[in-house]
Protein backbone atom coordinates (compact mmCIF):
# COMPACT_ATOMS: atom_id res chain seq x y z
CA UNK A 1 -7.22 -18.09 11.22
CA UNK A 2 -4.56 -18.52 13.87
CA UNK A 3 -2.93 -15.59 15.67
CA UNK A 4 0.37 -16.18 13.81
CA UNK A 5 -1.26 -16.30 10.41
CA UNK A 6 -3.22 -13.10 11.27
CA UNK A 7 -0.02 -11.34 12.30
CA UNK A 8 1.71 -12.44 9.08
CA UNK A 9 -1.17 -11.31 6.97
CA UNK A 10 -1.34 -7.94 8.73
CA UNK A 11 2.39 -7.47 8.37
CA UNK A 12 2.28 -8.31 4.65
CA UNK A 13 -0.65 -5.89 4.11
CA UNK A 14 1.15 -3.14 5.96
CA UNK A 15 4.42 -3.72 4.02
CA UNK A 16 2.55 -3.58 0.72
CA UNK A 17 0.74 -0.40 1.82
CA UNK A 18 3.97 1.22 2.95
CA UNK A 19 5.73 0.20 -0.26
CA UNK A 20 2.92 1.73 -2.35
CA UNK A 21 3.05 4.96 -0.32
CA UNK A 22 6.79 5.25 -0.69
CA UNK A 23 6.59 4.51 -4.41
CA UNK A 24 3.82 7.08 -4.93
CA UNK A 25 5.78 9.71 -2.98
CA UNK A 26 9.00 9.10 -4.99
CA UNK A 27 7.09 9.05 -8.27
CA UNK A 28 5.33 12.36 -7.50
CA UNK A 29 8.50 13.97 -6.24
CA UNK A 30 10.33 12.99 -9.42
CA UNK A 31 7.37 14.23 -11.45
CA UNK A 32 7.52 17.61 -9.69
CA UNK A 33 11.24 17.79 -10.37
CA UNK A 34 10.63 17.09 -14.06
CA UNK A 35 7.92 19.72 -14.09
CA UNK A 36 10.28 22.38 -12.75
CA UNK A 37 12.90 21.39 -15.32
CA UNK A 38 10.31 21.62 -18.13
CA UNK A 39 9.33 25.11 -16.94
CA UNK A 40 12.96 26.15 -17.12
CA UNK A 41 13.29 24.64 -20.57
CA UNK A 42 10.26 26.66 -21.69
CA UNK A 43 12.00 29.86 -20.46
CA UNK A 44 15.14 28.81 -22.28
CA UNK A 45 13.21 28.17 -25.49
CA UNK A 46 11.48 31.53 -25.26
CA UNK A 47 14.85 33.28 -25.00
CA UNK A 48 16.34 31.26 -27.82
CA UNK A 49 13.43 31.70 -30.32
CA UNK A 50 12.41 35.27 -29.90
CA UNK A 51 10.48 35.54 -33.19
CA UNK A 52 6.81 34.85 -33.07
CA UNK A 53 5.30 32.04 -35.08
CA UNK A 54 7.99 29.55 -33.95
CA UNK A 55 5.90 27.84 -31.30
CA UNK A 56 6.30 24.36 -32.85
CA UNK A 57 10.06 24.66 -32.89
CA UNK A 58 10.03 25.77 -29.22
CA UNK A 59 7.84 22.88 -28.21
CA UNK A 60 9.89 20.40 -30.24
CA UNK A 61 13.07 21.60 -28.54
CA UNK A 62 11.48 21.42 -25.08
CA UNK A 63 10.21 17.86 -25.76
CA UNK A 64 13.67 16.72 -26.98
CA UNK A 65 15.46 18.29 -23.99
CA UNK A 66 12.90 16.98 -21.50
CA UNK A 67 13.13 13.49 -22.89
CA UNK A 68 16.95 13.70 -22.40
CA UNK A 69 16.41 14.52 -18.76
CA UNK A 70 14.51 11.30 -18.16
CA UNK A 71 16.34 8.21 -16.97
CA UNK A 72 16.96 5.62 -19.68
CA UNK A 73 14.28 3.25 -18.25
CA UNK A 74 11.71 6.07 -18.38
CA UNK A 75 12.54 6.90 -21.97
CA UNK A 76 11.73 3.29 -22.83
CA UNK A 77 8.32 3.55 -21.18
CA UNK A 78 7.36 7.18 -21.92
CA UNK A 79 6.92 7.73 -25.63
CA UNK A 80 7.64 11.03 -27.29
CA UNK A 81 3.88 11.43 -28.02
CA UNK A 82 2.90 10.82 -24.35
CA UNK A 83 5.53 13.29 -23.20
CA UNK A 84 4.24 15.81 -25.72
CA UNK A 85 0.66 15.51 -24.46
CA UNK A 86 1.76 15.86 -20.76
CA UNK A 87 3.96 18.81 -21.46
CA UNK A 88 1.28 20.45 -23.61
CA UNK A 89 -1.18 19.99 -20.70
CA UNK A 90 1.25 21.62 -18.27
CA UNK A 91 1.85 24.47 -20.77
CA UNK A 92 -1.92 25.03 -21.24
CA UNK A 93 -2.38 25.02 -17.47
CA UNK A 94 0.35 27.66 -16.99
CA UNK A 95 -1.16 29.84 -19.76
CA UNK A 96 -4.59 29.57 -18.12
CA UNK A 97 -3.17 30.53 -14.69
CA UNK A 98 -1.30 33.53 -16.19
CA UNK A 99 -4.30 35.10 -17.96
CA UNK A 100 -6.36 35.85 -14.83
CA UNK A 101 -4.55 34.04 -11.89
CA UNK A 102 -7.08 31.19 -11.86
CA UNK A 103 -7.19 27.75 -13.35
CA UNK A 104 -10.61 28.06 -15.00
CA UNK A 105 -10.00 26.90 -18.54
CA UNK A 106 -10.39 30.47 -19.86
CA UNK A 107 -7.56 30.10 -22.38
CA UNK A 108 -8.16 27.85 -25.35
């Protein structure tokens, strides 16, 4: 391999690596923003539905409102069922952290 070809190859590899790093950062940052919004929606749902036994209604409302926060292209890719599973996982994690301050799967 000639020196020019090696430099081009190295540059391409570095550009791809940088692009992937930037993409991952932006994806995770956006995900963290959505996570904060979902948390606020849970608080809103708790205030709106004060009666017990209305957990499904609360979750349905949070899912609908969370989906509305997503950009149009993301709504096309992220199905309601996938969003429901992700939000339920976040919810379960928060419940587990709140019971004893540790994430140890102590809440079922």
